[in-house]
PDB file of N, CA and C in Angstrom:
ATOM      1  N   MET A   1      68.582   1.904 216.418  1.00  0.00           N
ATOM      2  CA  MET A   1      67.656   1.988 217.175  1.00  0.00           C
ATOM      3  C   MET A   1      67.915   2.868 217.709  1.00  0.00           C
ATOM      4  N   SER A   2      67.061   3.759 217.971  1.00  0.00           N
ATOM      5  CA  SER A   2      67.470   4.976 219.201  1.00  0.00           C
ATOM      6  C   SER A   2      67.012   4.646 220.460  1.00  0.00           C
ATOM      7  N   LYS A   3      67.514   5.181 221.195  1.00  0.00           N
ATOM      8  CA  LYS A   3      67.667   4.660 222.433  1.00  0.00           C
ATOM      9  C   LYS A   3      65.920   5.169 222.820  1.00  0.00           C
ATOM     10  N   SER A   4      65.527   5.819 222.257  1.00  0.00           N
ATOM     11  CA  SER A   4      63.809   6.012 223.152  1.00  0.00           C
ATOM     12  C   SER A   4      63.177   4.924 222.714  1.00  0.00           C
ATOM     13  N   HIS A   5      63.182   3.738 221.804  1.00  0.00           N
ATOM     14  CA  HIS A   5      62.892   2.799 221.651  1.00  0.00           C
ATOM     15  C   HIS A   5      62.923   1.590 222.629  1.00  0.00           C
ATOM     16  N   ARG A   6      64.252   2.441 223.711  1.00  0.00           N
ATOM     17  CA  ARG A   6      64.677   0.473 224.547  1.00  0.00           C
ATOM     18  C   ARG A   6      64.039   0.317 225.114  1.00  0.00           C
ATOM     19  N   THR A   7      63.565  -0.047 225.799  1.00  0.00           N
ATOM     20  CA  THR A   7      63.618  -1.206 226.863  1.00  0.00           C
ATOM     21  C   THR A   7      64.000  -1.320 227.986  1.00  0.00           C
ATOM     22  N   LEU A   8      63.969  -0.835 229.405  1.00  0.00           N
ATOM     23  CA  LEU A   8      64.491  -1.341 230.206  1.00  0.00           C
ATOM     24  C   LEU A   8      64.035  -1.710 231.605  1.00  0.00           C
ATOM     25  N   LEU A   9      64.225  -3.505 232.414  1.00  0.00           N
ATOM     26  CA  LEU A   9      63.676  -3.289 233.148  1.00  0.00           C
ATOM     27  C   LEU A   9      64.782  -3.618 234.404  1.00  0.00           C
ATOM     28  N   VAL A  10      64.355  -2.404 235.165  1.00  0.00           N
ATOM     29  CA  VAL A  10      64.855  -2.109 236.977  1.00  0.00           C
ATOM     30  C   VAL A  10      64.134  -2.822 238.015  1.00  0.00           C
ATOM     31  N   VAL A  11      64.808  -3.651 238.237  1.00  0.00           N
ATOM     32  CA  VAL A  11      64.293  -4.709 239.817  1.00  0.00           C
ATOM     33  C   VAL A  11      65.219  -3.641 240.679  1.00  0.00           C
ATOM     34  N   GLU A  12      64.599  -3.431 241.983  1.00  0.00           N
ATOM     35  CA  GLU A  12      65.128  -2.985 242.840  1.00  0.00           C
ATOM     36  C   GLU A  12      64.590  -2.627 243.901  1.00  0.00           C
ATOM     37  N   ASP A  13      64.553  -3.199 245.484  1.00  0.00           N
ATOM     38  CA  ASP A  13      63.436  -3.576 246.374  1.00  0.00           C
ATOM     39  C   ASP A  13      62.980  -2.426 247.258  1.00  0.00           C
ATOM     40  N   ASP A  14      64.316  -1.427 246.677  1.00  0.00           N
ATOM     41  CA  ASP A  14      64.743  -0.121 247.707  1.00  0.00           C
ATOM     42  C   ASP A  14      63.494   0.809 247.260  1.00  0.00           C
ATOM     43  N   ASP A  15      62.149   1.259 247.401  1.00  0.00           N
ATOM     44  CA  ASP A  15      61.738   2.478 246.262  1.00  0.00           C
ATOM     45  C   ASP A  15      62.247   3.426 246.074  1.00  0.00           C
ATOM     46  N   ILE A  16      62.632   4.116 247.068  1.00  0.00           N
ATOM     47  CA  ILE A  16      63.710   5.413 246.361  1.00  0.00           C
ATOM     48  C   ILE A  16      64.728   5.108 245.492  1.00  0.00           C
ATOM     49  N   VAL A  17      65.551   4.214 246.102  1.00  0.00           N
ATOM     50  CA  VAL A  17      66.574   3.965 245.330  1.00  0.00           C
ATOM     51  C   VAL A  17      66.398   3.899 242.917  1.00  0.00           C
ATOM     52  N   ARG A  18      64.940   2.154 243.412  1.00  0.00           N
ATOM     53  CA  ARG A  18      64.552   2.276 241.975  1.00  0.00           C
ATOM     54  C   ARG A  18      64.048   3.671 241.223  1.00  0.00           C
ATOM     55  N   MET A  19      62.973   4.492 242.449  1.00  0.00           N
ATOM     56  CA  MET A  19      62.696   5.341 241.689  1.00  0.00           C
ATOM     57  C   MET A  19      63.416   6.525 241.244  1.00  0.00           C
ATOM     58  N   LEU A  20      64.618   6.658 241.601  1.00  0.00           N
ATOM     59  CA  LEU A  20      65.880   7.630 241.318  1.00  0.00           C
ATOM     60  C   LEU A  20      66.421   7.036 240.465  1.00  0.00           C
ATOM     61  N   ILE A  21      66.255   5.883 239.953  1.00  0.00           N
ATOM     62  CA  ILE A  21      67.189   5.076 238.808  1.00  0.00           C
ATOM     63  C   ILE A  21      65.920   5.056 237.204  1.00  0.00           C
ATOM     64  N   VAL A  22      64.651   5.141 237.789  1.00  0.00           N
ATOM     65  CA  VAL A  22      63.787   5.647 236.749  1.00  0.00           C
ATOM     66  C   VAL A  22      64.187   6.508 235.902  1.00  0.00           C
ATOM     67  N   ASP A  23      63.842   7.755 237.371  1.00  0.00           N
ATOM     68  CA  ASP A  23      64.020   8.789 236.665  1.00  0.00           C
ATOM     69  C   ASP A  23      65.453   9.122 235.495  1.00  0.00           C
ATOM     70  N   VAL A  24      66.202   8.567 236.935  1.00  0.00           N
ATOM     71  CA  VAL A  24      67.394   9.164 235.373  1.00  0.00           C
ATOM     72  C   VAL A  24      67.338   8.146 234.175  1.00  0.00           C
ATOM     73  N   LEU A  25      67.023   6.869 233.889  1.00  0.00           N
ATOM     74  CA  LEU A  25      67.068   6.553 232.757  1.00  0.00           C
ATOM     75  C   LEU A  25      65.686   7.101 231.560  1.00  0.00           C
ATOM     76  N   GLU A  26      65.012   7.684 232.638  1.00  0.00           N
ATOM     77  CA  GLU A  26      63.470   7.569 231.671  1.00  0.00           C
ATOM     78  C   GLU A  26      64.009   9.468 231.947  1.00  0.00           C
ATOM     79  N   GLU A  27      64.923  10.436 231.589  1.00  0.00           N
ATOM     80  CA  GLU A  27      65.794  11.500 231.435  1.00  0.00           C
ATOM     81  C   GLU A  27      66.659  11.238 230.055  1.00  0.00           C
ATOM     82  N   LEU A  28      67.134   9.652 229.798  1.00  0.00           N
ATOM     83  CA  LEU A  28      67.697   9.702 229.727  1.00  0.00           C
ATOM     84  C   LEU A  28      67.223   9.018 228.044  1.00  0.00           C
ATOM     85  N   ASP A  29      65.873   9.235 228.587  1.00  0.00           N
ATOM     86  CA  ASP A  29      64.783   8.652 226.748  1.00  0.00           C
ATOM     87  C   ASP A  29      64.579   7.139 226.702  1.00  0.00           C
ATOM     88  N   TYR A  30      64.768   6.620 228.582  1.00  0.00           N
ATOM     89  CA  TYR A  30      64.539   5.411 227.784  1.00  0.00           C
ATOM     90  C   TYR A  30      63.396   4.707 228.449  1.00  0.00           C
ATOM     91  N   LYS A  31      62.312   3.791 227.724  1.00  0.00           N
ATOM     92  CA  LYS A  31      61.122   3.230 229.115  1.00  0.00           C
ATOM     93  C   LYS A  31      61.761   1.948 229.767  1.00  0.00           C
ATOM     94  N   VAL A  32      60.855   2.867 230.868  1.00  0.00           N
ATOM     95  CA  VAL A  32      61.495   1.946 231.977  1.00  0.00           C
ATOM     96  C   VAL A  32      60.741   1.083 232.380  1.00  0.00           C
ATOM     97  N   LEU A  33      60.488  -0.186 232.816  1.00  0.00           N
ATOM     98  CA  LEU A  33      59.462  -1.165 233.816  1.00  0.00           C
ATOM     99  C   LEU A  33      60.204  -1.774 234.843  1.00  0.00           C
ATOM    100  N   GLU A  34      59.078  -0.815 235.920  1.00  0.00           N
ATOM    101  CA  GLU A  34      59.913  -1.075 237.421  1.00  0.00           C
ATOM    102  C   GLU A  34      59.357  -2.616 237.969  1.00  0.00           C
ATOM    103  N   ALA A  35      60.160  -3.436 238.443  1.00  0.00           N
ATOM    104  CA  ALA A  35      59.441  -4.425 240.167  1.00  0.00           C
ATOM    105  C   ALA A  35      60.690  -4.280 240.936  1.00  0.00           C
ATOM    106  N   ALA A  36      59.897  -4.916 242.063  1.00  0.00           N
ATOM    107  CA  ALA A  36      60.610  -4.385 243.511  1.00  0.00           C
ATOM    108  C   ALA A  36      61.015  -5.669 243.821  1.00  0.00           C
ATOM    109  N   ASP A  37      60.297  -7.267 243.158  1.00  0.00           N
ATOM    110  CA  ASP A  37      61.073  -8.005 244.039  1.00  0.00           C
ATOM    111  C   ASP A  37      61.344  -9.134 242.852  1.00  0.00           C
ATOM    112  N   GLY A  38      61.931 -10.249 242.976  1.00  0.00           N
ATOM    113  CA  GLY A  38      62.094 -11.311 241.615  1.00  0.00           C
ATOM    114  C   GLY A  38      60.850 -12.060 241.010  1.00  0.00           C
ATOM    115  N   ASP A  39      59.619 -12.116 241.513  1.00  0.00           N
ATOM    116  CA  ASP A  39      57.860 -12.359 241.742  1.00  0.00           C
ATOM    117  C   ASP A  39      57.862 -11.492 240.378  1.00  0.00           C
ATOM    118  N   GLN A  40      58.371  -9.913 240.514  1.00  0.00           N
ATOM    119  CA  GLN A  40      57.209  -9.044 240.023  1.00  0.00           C
ATOM    120  C   GLN A  40      58.374  -8.775 238.502  1.00  0.00           C
ATOM    121  N   ALA A  41      59.686  -9.004 238.964  1.00  0.00           N
ATOM    122  CA  ALA A  41      60.572  -8.458 237.677  1.00  0.00           C
ATOM    123  C   ALA A  41      60.328 -10.477 237.007  1.00  0.00           C
ATOM    124  N   SER A  42      60.290 -11.741 237.147  1.00  0.00           N
ATOM    125  CA  SER A  42      59.549 -12.456 236.629  1.00  0.00           C
ATOM    126  C   SER A  42      58.477 -12.948 235.435  1.00  0.00           C
ATOM    127  N   ALA A  43      57.010 -12.011 236.110  1.00  0.00           N
ATOM    128  CA  ALA A  43      56.357 -11.701 235.368  1.00  0.00           C
ATOM    129  C   ALA A  43      56.487 -10.963 234.193  1.00  0.00           C
ATOM    130  N   ILE A  44      56.924  -9.543 234.547  1.00  0.00           N
ATOM    131  CA  ILE A  44      57.688  -8.983 233.151  1.00  0.00           C
ATOM    132  C   ILE A  44      58.764  -9.935 232.027  1.00  0.00           C
ATOM    133  N   PHE A  45      59.295 -10.503 232.687  1.00  0.00           N
ATOM    134  CA  PHE A  45      60.353 -10.950 231.548  1.00  0.00           C
ATOM    135  C   PHE A  45      60.148 -12.443 230.950  1.00  0.00           C
ATOM    136  N   SER A  46      59.019 -13.166 231.631  1.00  0.00           N
ATOM    137  CA  SER A  46      58.091 -13.809 231.249  1.00  0.00           C
ATOM    138  C   SER A  46      57.145 -13.602 230.170  1.00  0.00           C
ATOM    139  N   ASP A  47      57.288 -12.524 230.506  1.00  0.00           N
ATOM    140  CA  ASP A  47      55.919 -12.201 229.108  1.00  0.00           C
ATOM    141  C   ASP A  47      56.762 -11.858 227.842  1.00  0.00           C
ATOM    142  N   LEU A  48      56.360 -12.724 226.726  1.00  0.00           N
ATOM    143  CA  LEU A  48      57.438 -12.346 225.644  1.00  0.00           C
ATOM    144  C   LEU A  48      57.102 -11.146 225.166  1.00  0.00           C
ATOM    145  N   GLY A  49      55.902 -10.919 224.836  1.00  0.00           N
ATOM    146  CA  GLY A  49      55.263 -10.094 224.159  1.00  0.00           C
ATOM    147  C   GLY A  49      55.518  -8.872 224.762  1.00  0.00           C
ATOM    148  N   GLN A  50      56.751  -8.638 225.151  1.00  0.00           N
ATOM    149  CA  GLN A  50      56.486  -7.529 225.984  1.00  0.00           C
ATOM    150  C   GLN A  50      58.432  -7.080 226.101  1.00  0.00           C
ATOM    151  N   GLN A  51      59.066  -6.431 225.262  1.00  0.00           N
ATOM    152  CA  GLN A  51      60.333  -6.029 224.600  1.00  0.00           C
ATOM    153  C   GLN A  51      60.943  -5.676 225.864  1.00  0.00           C
ATOM    154  N   ILE A  52      61.761  -5.640 226.381  1.00  0.00           N
ATOM    155  CA  ILE A  52      63.064  -5.326 226.814  1.00  0.00           C
ATOM    156  C   ILE A  52      64.459  -5.669 226.911  1.00  0.00           C
ATOM    157  N   ASP A  53      64.796  -4.315 226.359  1.00  0.00           N
ATOM    158  CA  ASP A  53      66.627  -4.610 226.000  1.00  0.00           C
ATOM    159  C   ASP A  53      67.868  -4.646 227.088  1.00  0.00           C
ATOM    160  N   LEU A  54      67.276  -4.253 228.210  1.00  0.00           N
ATOM    161  CA  LEU A  54      68.039  -4.554 229.446  1.00  0.00           C
ATOM    162  C   LEU A  54      67.333  -4.855 230.920  1.00  0.00           C
ATOM    163  N   MET A  55      68.241  -5.664 231.980  1.00  0.00           N
ATOM    164  CA  MET A  55      67.643  -5.507 232.820  1.00  0.00           C
ATOM    165  C   MET A  55      68.339  -4.931 233.278  1.00  0.00           C
ATOM    166  N   MET A  56      68.122  -4.151 234.343  1.00  0.00           N
ATOM    167  CA  MET A  56      69.452  -4.050 235.783  1.00  0.00           C
ATOM    168  C   MET A  56      68.624  -4.084 237.104  1.00  0.00           C
ATOM    169  N   THR A  57      69.355  -5.313 237.277  1.00  0.00           N
ATOM    170  CA  THR A  57      69.051  -6.005 239.134  1.00  0.00           C
ATOM    171  C   THR A  57      69.792  -5.164 239.924  1.00  0.00           C
ATOM    172  N   ASP A  58      68.921  -5.373 241.744  1.00  0.00           N
ATOM    173  CA  ASP A  58      69.863  -5.129 242.646  1.00  0.00           C
ATOM    174  C   ASP A  58      70.255  -6.882 243.018  1.00  0.00           C
ATOM    175  N   VAL A  59      71.512  -6.515 243.896  1.00  0.00           N
ATOM    176  CA  VAL A  59      71.686  -8.464 243.668  1.00  0.00           C
ATOM    177  C   VAL A  59      70.828  -8.788 244.726  1.00  0.00           C
ATOM    178  N   GLY A  60      71.408  -7.556 246.204  1.00  0.00           N
ATOM    179  CA  GLY A  60      70.022  -8.351 247.383  1.00  0.00           C
ATOM    180  C   GLY A  60      68.587  -8.209 247.139  1.00  0.00           C
ATOM    181  N   LEU A  61      67.857  -8.866 246.706  1.00  0.00           N
ATOM    182  CA  LEU A  61      66.534  -8.508 247.070  1.00  0.00           C
ATOM    183  C   LEU A  61      66.002  -9.784 247.310  1.00  0.00           C
ATOM    184  N   PRO A  62      64.351  -9.336 247.941  1.00  0.00           N
ATOM    185  CA  PRO A  62      63.992  -9.772 249.781  1.00  0.00           C
ATOM    186  C   PRO A  62      63.750 -10.919 248.957  1.00  0.00           C
ATOM    187  N   ASP A  63      63.151 -11.422 248.285  1.00  0.00           N
ATOM    188  CA  ASP A  63      62.980 -12.925 247.224  1.00  0.00           C
ATOM    189  C   ASP A  63      64.083 -13.919 246.632  1.00  0.00           C
ATOM    190  N   ILE A  64      64.476 -13.498 246.157  1.00  0.00           N
ATOM    191  CA  ILE A  64      65.774 -14.319 245.303  1.00  0.00           C
ATOM    192  C   ILE A  64      67.066 -13.068 245.246  1.00  0.00           C
ATOM    193  N   ASN A  65      67.997 -13.822 244.753  1.00  0.00           N
ATOM    194  CA  ASN A  65      69.383 -13.110 244.683  1.00  0.00           C
ATOM    195  C   ASN A  65      69.735 -12.675 243.043  1.00  0.00           C
ATOM    196  N   GLY A  66      69.949 -11.845 243.672  1.00  0.00           N
ATOM    197  CA  GLY A  66      70.091 -11.378 241.952  1.00  0.00           C
ATOM    198  C   GLY A  66      70.498 -11.746 240.980  1.00  0.00           C
ATOM    199  N   ARG A  67      71.413 -13.127 241.244  1.00  0.00           N
ATOM    200  CA  ARG A  67      72.426 -13.662 240.135  1.00  0.00           C
ATOM    201  C   ARG A  67      71.680 -14.783 239.884  1.00  0.00           C
ATOM    202  N   ASP A  68      70.805 -15.392 241.039  1.00  0.00           N
ATOM    203  CA  ASP A  68      69.956 -16.157 240.630  1.00  0.00           C
ATOM    204  C   ASP A  68      68.472 -15.776 239.377  1.00  0.00           C
ATOM    205  N   LEU A  69      67.979 -14.396 240.319  1.00  0.00           N
ATOM    206  CA  LEU A  69      66.954 -14.021 238.836  1.00  0.00           C
ATOM    207  C   LEU A  69      67.478 -13.908 237.495  1.00  0.00           C
ATOM    208  N   ALA A  70      68.717 -13.079 237.609  1.00  0.00           N
ATOM    209  CA  ALA A  70      69.687 -13.006 236.047  1.00  0.00           C
ATOM    210  C   ALA A  70      69.090 -14.180 235.073  1.00  0.00           C
ATOM    211  N   LEU A  71      69.874 -15.792 235.875  1.00  0.00           N
ATOM    212  CA  LEU A  71      70.073 -16.523 235.862  1.00  0.00           C
ATOM    213  C   LEU A  71      68.225 -17.166 234.743  1.00  0.00           C
ATOM    214  N   LYS A  72      67.545 -17.257 235.856  1.00  0.00           N
ATOM    215  CA  LYS A  72      66.361 -17.317 235.624  1.00  0.00           C
ATOM    216  C   LYS A  72      65.863 -16.760 234.243  1.00  0.00           C
ATOM    217  N   ALA A  73      66.150 -15.119 234.203  1.00  0.00           N
ATOM    218  CA  ALA A  73      65.808 -14.060 232.789  1.00  0.00           C
ATOM    219  C   ALA A  73      66.680 -14.900 232.165  1.00  0.00           C
ATOM    220  N   ARG A  74      67.942 -15.012 231.696  1.00  0.00           N
ATOM    221  CA  ARG A  74      68.710 -16.088 230.994  1.00  0.00           C
ATOM    222  C   ARG A  74      67.672 -17.318 229.819  1.00  0.00           C
ATOM    223  N   LYS A  75      66.973 -17.800 231.131  1.00  0.00           N
ATOM    224  CA  LYS A  75      66.405 -19.137 230.616  1.00  0.00           C
ATOM    225  C   LYS A  75      65.091 -18.649 229.599  1.00  0.00           C
ATOM    226  N   VAL A  76      63.954 -17.605 229.648  1.00  0.00           N
ATOM    227  CA  VAL A  76      62.951 -16.943 228.592  1.00  0.00           C
ATOM    228  C   VAL A  76      64.127 -16.104 227.856  1.00  0.00           C
ATOM    229  N   ARG A  77      65.049 -15.420 228.331  1.00  0.00           N
ATOM    230  CA  ARG A  77      65.241 -14.257 227.436  1.00  0.00           C
ATOM    231  C   ARG A  77      66.890 -14.789 227.555  1.00  0.00           C
ATOM    232  N   PRO A  78      67.629 -15.313 226.089  1.00  0.00           N
ATOM    233  CA  PRO A  78      69.220 -15.987 226.323  1.00  0.00           C
ATOM    234  C   PRO A  78      69.976 -14.799 225.855  1.00  0.00           C
ATOM    235  N   ASP A  79      69.305 -13.716 225.269  1.00  0.00           N
ATOM    236  CA  ASP A  79      69.889 -13.219 225.059  1.00  0.00           C
ATOM    237  C   ASP A  79      70.615 -11.517 225.544  1.00  0.00           C
ATOM    238  N   LEU A  80      69.721 -11.637 226.631  1.00  0.00           N
ATOM    239  CA  LEU A  80      68.981 -10.734 226.993  1.00  0.00           C
ATOM    240  C   LEU A  80      70.637  -9.668 228.433  1.00  0.00           C
ATOM    241  N   PRO A  81      70.824  -8.410 228.115  1.00  0.00           N
ATOM    242  CA  PRO A  81      72.043  -7.812 228.687  1.00  0.00           C
ATOM    243  C   PRO A  81      71.352  -7.889 229.625  1.00  0.00           C
ATOM    244  N   ILE A  82      72.584  -8.278 231.189  1.00  0.00           N
ATOM    245  CA  ILE A  82      71.889  -8.139 231.912  1.00  0.00           C
ATOM    246  C   ILE A  82      73.004  -7.298 232.730  1.00  0.00           C
ATOM    247  N   LEU A  83      72.436  -5.698 234.200  1.00  0.00           N
ATOM    248  CA  LEU A  83      73.763  -5.202 234.548  1.00  0.00           C
ATOM    249  C   LEU A  83      73.450  -5.713 236.148  1.00  0.00           C
ATOM    250  N   PHE A  84      74.241  -5.505 236.727  1.00  0.00           N
ATOM    251  CA  PHE A  84      74.046  -6.017 238.506  1.00  0.00           C
ATOM    252  C   PHE A  84      74.524  -4.919 239.293  1.00  0.00           C
ATOM    253  N   ALA A  85      73.360  -4.251 239.898  1.00  0.00           N
ATOM    254  CA  ALA A  85      73.771  -2.694 241.150  1.00  0.00           C
ATOM    255  C   ALA A  85      74.001  -3.672 242.610  1.00  0.00           C
ATOM    256  N   SER A  86      75.044  -3.294 242.934  1.00  0.00           N
ATOM    257  CA  SER A  86      75.266  -3.720 244.163  1.00  0.00           C
ATOM    258  C   SER A  86      76.452  -2.729 244.775  1.00  0.00           C
ATOM    259  N   GLY A  87      76.223  -2.459 246.273  1.00  0.00           N
ATOM    260  CA  GLY A  87      77.201  -1.967 246.644  1.00  0.00           C
ATOM    261  C   GLY A  87      78.591  -2.612 247.527  1.00  0.00           C
ATOM    262  N   TYR A  88      78.622  -3.826 246.823  1.00  0.00           N
ATOM    263  CA  TYR A  88      79.548  -5.187 246.958  1.00  0.00           C
ATOM    264  C   TYR A  88      79.435  -4.947 245.815  1.00  0.00           C
ATOM    265  N   ALA A  89      80.333  -4.185 245.105  1.00  0.00           N
ATOM    266  CA  ALA A  89      80.430  -4.465 243.335  1.00  0.00           C
ATOM    267  C   ALA A  89      81.032  -5.322 242.733  1.00  0.00           C
ATOM    268  N   ASP A  90      82.620  -5.145 243.545  1.00  0.00           N
ATOM    269  CA  ASP A  90      83.995  -6.272 243.208  1.00  0.00           C
ATOM    270  C   ASP A  90      83.421  -7.185 243.973  1.00  0.00           C
ATOM    271  N   ASN A  91      82.616  -7.551 244.554  1.00  0.00           N
ATOM    272  CA  ASN A  91      82.390  -8.952 245.054  1.00  0.00           C
ATOM    273  C   ASN A  91      81.408  -9.615 244.547  1.00  0.00           C
ATOM    274  N   VAL A  92      81.108  -8.873 243.410  1.00  0.00           N
ATOM    275  CA  VAL A  92      79.420  -9.811 243.043  1.00  0.00           C
ATOM    276  C   VAL A  92      80.284 -10.934 241.937  1.00  0.00           C
ATOM    277  N   ASP A  93      79.806 -11.598 242.238  1.00  0.00           N
ATOM    278  CA  ASP A  93      80.504 -13.086 241.104  1.00  0.00           C
ATOM    279  C   ASP A  93      79.139 -12.805 239.794  1.00  0.00           C
ATOM    280  N   VAL A  94      79.832 -12.084 238.465  1.00  0.00           N
ATOM    281  CA  VAL A  94      78.665 -11.738 237.380  1.00  0.00           C
ATOM    282  C   VAL A  94      79.214 -12.487 237.536  1.00  0.00           C
ATOM    283  N   PRO A  95      78.144 -13.537 236.138  1.00  0.00           N
ATOM    284  CA  PRO A  95      78.187 -14.582 234.904  1.00  0.00           C
ATOM    285  C   PRO A  95      78.780 -14.047 233.733  1.00  0.00           C
ATOM    286  N   ALA A  96      78.927 -14.993 233.631  1.00  0.00           N
ATOM    287  CA  ALA A  96      79.309 -14.939 231.944  1.00  0.00           C
ATOM    288  C   ALA A  96      78.635 -13.852 231.116  1.00  0.00           C
ATOM    289  N   GLY A  97      78.581 -12.840 230.433  1.00  0.00           N
ATOM    290  CA  GLY A  97      78.284 -11.821 229.483  1.00  0.00           C
ATOM    291  C   GLY A  97      76.837 -10.960 229.855  1.00  0.00           C
ATOM    292  N   MET A  98      77.322 -11.026 231.624  1.00  0.00           N
ATOM    293  CA  MET A  98      77.067  -9.582 232.332  1.00  0.00           C
ATOM    294  C   MET A  98      77.591  -9.046 233.133  1.00  0.00           C
ATOM    295  N   GLN A  99      77.199  -7.485 233.267  1.00  0.00           N
ATOM    296  CA  GLN A  99      77.982  -7.137 233.933  1.00  0.00           C
ATOM    297  C   GLN A  99      77.228  -6.149 235.206  1.00  0.00           C
ATOM    298  N   SER A 100      78.106  -5.392 235.410  1.00  0.00           N
ATOM    299  CA  SER A 100      77.907  -4.668 237.195  1.00  0.00           C
ATOM    300  C   SER A 100      78.486  -3.406 237.573  1.00  0.00           C
ATOM    301  N   ILE A 101      77.432  -2.408 238.156  1.00  0.00           N
ATOM    302  CA  ILE A 101      78.220  -1.461 238.483  1.00  0.00           C
ATOM    303  C   ILE A 101      78.232  -0.866 240.347  1.00  0.00           C
ATOM    304  N   GLY A 102      78.708  -0.744 240.129  1.00  0.00           N
ATOM    305  CA  GLY A 102      79.029  -0.790 242.080  1.00  0.00           C
ATOM    306  C   GLY A 102      78.103   0.555 242.528  1.00  0.00           C
ATOM    307  N   LYS A 103      77.283   0.743 243.801  1.00  0.00           N
ATOM    308  CA  LYS A 103      76.772   1.657 244.193  1.00  0.00           C
ATOM    309  C   LYS A 103      77.169   2.623 245.259  1.00  0.00           C
ATOM    310  N   PRO A 104      77.200   3.968 245.359  1.00  0.00           N
ATOM    311  CA  PRO A 104      76.476   4.439 244.919  1.00  0.00           C
ATOM    312  C   PRO A 104      76.744   5.063 243.270  1.00  0.00           C
ATOM    313  N   PHE A 105      76.548   4.787 241.922  1.00  0.00           N
ATOM    314  CA  PHE A 105      77.078   5.512 240.953  1.00  0.00           C
ATOM    315  C   PHE A 105      76.410   6.961 240.359  1.00  0.00           C
ATOM    316  N   SER A 106      77.239   7.592 239.575  1.00  0.00           N
ATOM    317  CA  SER A 106      76.803   8.648 239.532  1.00  0.00           C
ATOM    318  C   SER A 106      76.227   8.581 238.343  1.00  0.00           C
ATOM    319  N   ILE A 107      75.103   9.238 237.623  1.00  0.00           N
ATOM    320  CA  ILE A 107      73.821   9.333 236.957  1.00  0.00           C
ATOM    321  C   ILE A 107      74.820   9.255 235.147  1.00  0.00           C
ATOM    322  N   ASP A 108      75.713   9.848 235.142  1.00  0.00           N
ATOM    323  CA  ASP A 108      76.670   9.471 234.328  1.00  0.00           C
ATOM    324  C   ASP A 108      77.843   8.199 233.975  1.00  0.00           C
ATOM    325  N   GLN A 109      77.964   8.076 235.109  1.00  0.00           N
ATOM    326  CA  GLN A 109      77.945   6.393 234.835  1.00  0.00           C
ATOM    327  C   GLN A 109      77.293   6.001 234.888  1.00  0.00           C
ATOM    328  N   LEU A 110      75.992   5.339 235.035  1.00  0.00           N
ATOM    329  CA  LEU A 110      74.459   4.293 234.869  1.00  0.00           C
ATOM    330  C   LEU A 110      74.261   4.886 233.597  1.00  0.00           C
ATOM    331  N   ARG A 111      74.587   6.480 232.814  1.00  0.00           N
ATOM    332  CA  ARG A 111      74.128   6.763 231.204  1.00  0.00           C
ATOM    333  C   ARG A 111      75.293   5.833 230.602  1.00  0.00           C
ATOM    334  N   ASP A 112      76.571   6.371 231.214  1.00  0.00           N
ATOM    335  CA  ASP A 112      78.066   5.191 229.772  1.00  0.00           C
ATOM    336  C   ASP A 112      77.235   3.942 230.304  1.00  0.00           C
ATOM    337  N   LYS A 113      77.525   3.257 230.953  1.00  0.00           N
ATOM    338  CA  LYS A 113      77.723   1.380 231.515  1.00  0.00           C
ATOM    339  C   LYS A 113      75.815   0.891 231.267  1.00  0.00           C
ATOM    340  N   VAL A 114      74.972   1.660 230.405  1.00  0.00           N
ATOM    341  CA  VAL A 114      73.566   1.007 229.503  1.00  0.00           C
ATOM    342  C   VAL A 114      73.975   1.371 228.222  1.00  0.00           C
ATOM    343  N   LYS A 115      74.305   2.236 228.008  1.00  0.00           N
ATOM    344  CA  LYS A 115      74.955   2.946 226.940  1.00  0.00           C
ATOM    345  C   LYS A 115      75.613   1.755 225.807  1.00  0.00           C
ATOM    346  N   SER A 116      77.108   1.123 227.182  1.00  0.00           N
ATOM    347  CA  SER A 116      77.700   0.186 226.496  1.00  0.00           C
ATOM    348  C   SER A 116      77.361  -1.329 226.412  1.00  0.00           C
ATOM    349  N   MET A 117      76.165  -1.244 226.926  1.00  0.00           N
ATOM    350  CA  MET A 117      75.974  -2.509 226.819  1.00  0.00           C
ATOM    351  C   MET A 117      74.600  -2.911 225.817  1.00  0.00           C
ATOM    352  N   LEU A 118      74.108  -1.680 225.490  1.00  0.00           N
ATOM    353  CA  LEU A 118      73.148  -1.830 224.898  1.00  0.00           C
ATOM    354  C   LEU A 118      74.098  -1.271 223.251  1.00  0.00           C
TER     355      LEU A 118
END
């Protein structure tokens, strides 16, 4: 499957950071869905008609912890790859089968991490 047919869900409450991540991923030919909080993200991943190949979430969201959101997403989509983004990546307790990337990250780091997870 070519990456242009891969869909990523980006969950980030900081509008500017989210916009930058989305721009980078779109430049890399991914289709990107955006959510500013856990409620928006839940609505997206609960729609099983919507393809999602990877969810990238901030750890610190206003309404839910990113880890809890990831576990919620996995109940609906058990095989969904999940990437946590955090300014404290070393301190993130990442559940099995999930990965993290430290903020700030470079475009190359993000590209390589997403590619390796897909």
